[in-house]
Every structure is written in C-alpha cells, then in structure tokens.
Amino acid sequence: MSKPSDLIHGTLDLLILNTISLEPKHGWAIAKRIQQVSNEVLQISQGALYPALHRLEQQGWIRSEWRVTDGGRDAKYYTLTKAGRIQLVKELEQWERLSTAVGLAIRLAPEAAS
C-alpha cells in the first residue's frame, strides 16, 4: 500500500482538490474516496490529510464549514473556491506533463542502456 510519503510531492493536493470538485466532503470522506477510486492503493492518513486541508484552506483554494453528517455527527466539510477550481486545472495540467514525461523516460531508459 502506498503511504503519503510515497506520493510524488504535491500529488496529495491534486487528489484532494479533484475529490471535492464535484461536491463538498468532510475529511474522512475525502480520504475514503481517494482510497476507493485508487482501488485501495492510496491510503491517506489523518496525519497527512488534515495538514494538507489546512494548507489548501490557507491558500484560498478550499473553504470549510461545519455541517451535520448523514450519521448525525458534526464535521467540517470542504468545498473548492473559484481560485481552487483554477488551481485544480493547473495541477491537472502539471500532472499530465509529469506523468507523460516519466512514462517516456521509463520506456526509453532500457533502450539507452543497450
């Protein structure tokens, strides 16, 4: 299983922004959604998730408000701001460039060694 330290630097921010892009979610739901859509490969710990949420909120990319969950508990729900939607597009573009470049390097590396 991957740990947050195994993620490429900055990937957690992208995962969080993308996860809440469709609807507001509380922290536990964000972590569970990332785990679910990654086929259980990515498991984000609270120790990584909540500092990232706090940082994203300080940057103005997300905002939070207290709501009651379906289970009747109070939880802080996170929503993308307009600036967060713009940042999500930038992060997705950067991810595409990076993942394409890594893919090329991996495919070409054995040829260069021959």
Protein backbone atom coordinates (compact mmCIF):
# COMPACT_ATOMS: atom_id res chain seq x y z
CA MET A 1 0.00 0.00 0.00
CA SER A 2 1.23 3.47 -0.78
CA LYS A 3 1.86 5.91 2.01
CA PRO A 4 1.59 9.69 1.61
CA SER A 5 5.39 9.82 1.64
CA ASP A 6 5.31 7.55 -1.42
CA LEU A 7 3.27 10.09 -3.37
CA ILE A 8 5.05 12.48 -5.68
CA HIS A 9 5.36 15.84 -3.91
CA GLY A 10 2.20 17.88 -4.47
CA THR A 11 0.07 14.93 -5.58
CA LEU A 12 -1.96 14.93 -2.37
CA ASP A 13 -3.12 18.48 -3.08
CA LEU A 14 -4.27 17.43 -6.55
CA LEU A 15 -6.08 14.39 -5.16
CA ILE A 16 -7.90 16.49 -2.56
CA LEU A 17 -8.87 19.26 -4.98
CA ASN A 18 -10.11 16.73 -7.52
CA THR A 19 -12.06 14.75 -4.90
CA ILE A 20 -14.05 17.75 -3.70
CA SER A 21 -14.51 19.24 -7.16
CA LEU A 22 -17.94 17.63 -7.59
CA GLU A 23 -19.35 18.05 -4.09
CA PRO A 24 -18.28 19.12 -0.60
CA LYS A 25 -16.90 16.34 1.59
CA HIS A 26 -15.59 16.05 5.13
CA GLY A 27 -12.05 14.86 5.78
CA TRP A 28 -12.81 11.19 6.41
CA ALA A 29 -14.97 11.06 3.25
CA ILE A 30 -12.16 12.63 1.21
CA ALA A 31 -9.68 10.00 2.41
CA LYS A 32 -12.14 7.15 1.81
CA ARG A 33 -12.98 8.40 -1.70
CA ILE A 34 -9.30 8.59 -2.67
CA GLN A 35 -8.80 5.08 -1.31
CA GLN A 36 -11.88 3.80 -3.14
CA VAL A 37 -11.12 5.30 -6.56
CA SER A 38 -7.49 4.15 -6.37
CA ASN A 39 -8.60 0.53 -5.88
CA GLU A 40 -7.35 0.64 -2.27
CA VAL A 41 -3.79 1.52 -3.33
CA LEU A 42 -3.72 5.04 -1.87
CA GLN A 43 -4.48 5.30 1.82
CA ILE A 44 -4.15 8.82 3.15
CA SER A 45 -3.51 9.07 6.88
CA GLN A 46 -5.10 11.75 9.04
CA GLY A 47 -1.59 12.99 9.78
CA ALA A 48 -1.12 13.81 6.09
CA LEU A 49 -4.70 14.74 5.17
CA TYR A 50 -5.57 17.39 7.75
CA PRO A 51 -2.37 19.44 7.40
CA ALA A 52 -2.92 19.40 3.62
CA LEU A 53 -6.54 20.54 4.05
CA HIS A 54 -5.38 23.32 6.37
CA ARG A 55 -2.70 24.40 3.89
CA LEU A 56 -5.17 24.41 0.97
CA GLU A 57 -7.59 26.47 3.03
CA GLN A 58 -4.85 28.98 3.91
CA GLN A 59 -4.02 29.29 0.20
CA GLY A 60 -7.66 30.12 -0.51
CA TRP A 61 -8.23 27.07 -2.72
CA ILE A 62 -10.80 25.49 -0.43
CA ARG A 63 -13.12 26.71 2.30
CA SER A 64 -14.74 24.84 5.13
CA GLU A 65 -17.94 24.95 7.09
CA TRP A 66 -19.35 22.85 9.88
CA ARG A 67 -22.26 20.61 8.93
CA VAL A 68 -24.01 17.57 10.30
CA THR A 69 -23.11 14.29 8.55
CA ASP A 70 -25.65 11.70 7.48
CA GLY A 71 -24.75 9.89 10.68
CA GLY A 72 -25.68 12.90 12.80
CA ARG A 73 -22.16 13.99 13.72
CA ASP A 74 -20.68 17.46 13.30
CA ALA A 75 -17.92 17.56 10.69
CA LYS A 76 -16.02 20.17 8.76
CA TYR A 77 -16.96 19.99 5.07
CA TYR A 78 -14.56 21.26 2.42
CA THR A 79 -15.56 22.98 -0.82
CA LEU A 80 -13.50 24.29 -3.74
CA THR A 81 -13.34 28.05 -4.15
CA LYS A 82 -13.14 29.75 -7.54
CA ALA A 83 -9.38 30.03 -7.03
CA GLY A 84 -9.35 26.33 -6.15
CA ARG A 85 -11.03 25.41 -9.45
CA ILE A 86 -8.39 27.41 -11.32
CA GLN A 87 -5.65 25.70 -9.29
CA LEU A 88 -7.16 22.28 -9.99
CA VAL A 89 -6.87 22.90 -13.74
CA LYS A 90 -3.22 23.95 -13.28
CA GLU A 91 -2.47 20.92 -11.10
CA LEU A 92 -4.09 18.56 -13.62
CA GLU A 93 -2.04 20.07 -16.46
CA GLN A 94 1.17 19.74 -14.42
CA TRP A 95 0.30 16.13 -13.55
CA GLU A 96 -0.30 15.28 -17.21
CA ARG A 97 3.07 16.77 -18.21
CA LEU A 98 4.88 15.00 -15.39
CA SER A 99 3.24 11.61 -15.88
CA THR A 100 3.85 11.76 -19.64
CA ALA A 101 7.50 12.65 -19.08
CA VAL A 102 8.00 9.86 -16.53
CA GLY A 103 6.30 7.39 -18.88
CA LEU A 104 8.60 8.40 -21.71
CA ALA A 105 11.69 8.16 -19.53
CA ILE A 106 10.73 4.69 -18.31
CA ARG A 107 10.02 3.38 -21.80
CA LEU A 108 13.20 4.87 -23.26
CA ALA A 109 15.58 4.05 -20.42
CA PRO A 110 16.15 0.35 -21.36
CA GLU A 111 16.88 1.34 -24.99
CA ALA A 112 19.50 3.84 -23.88
CA ALA A 113 21.22 1.16 -21.76
CA SER A 114 21.51 -1.24 -24.72
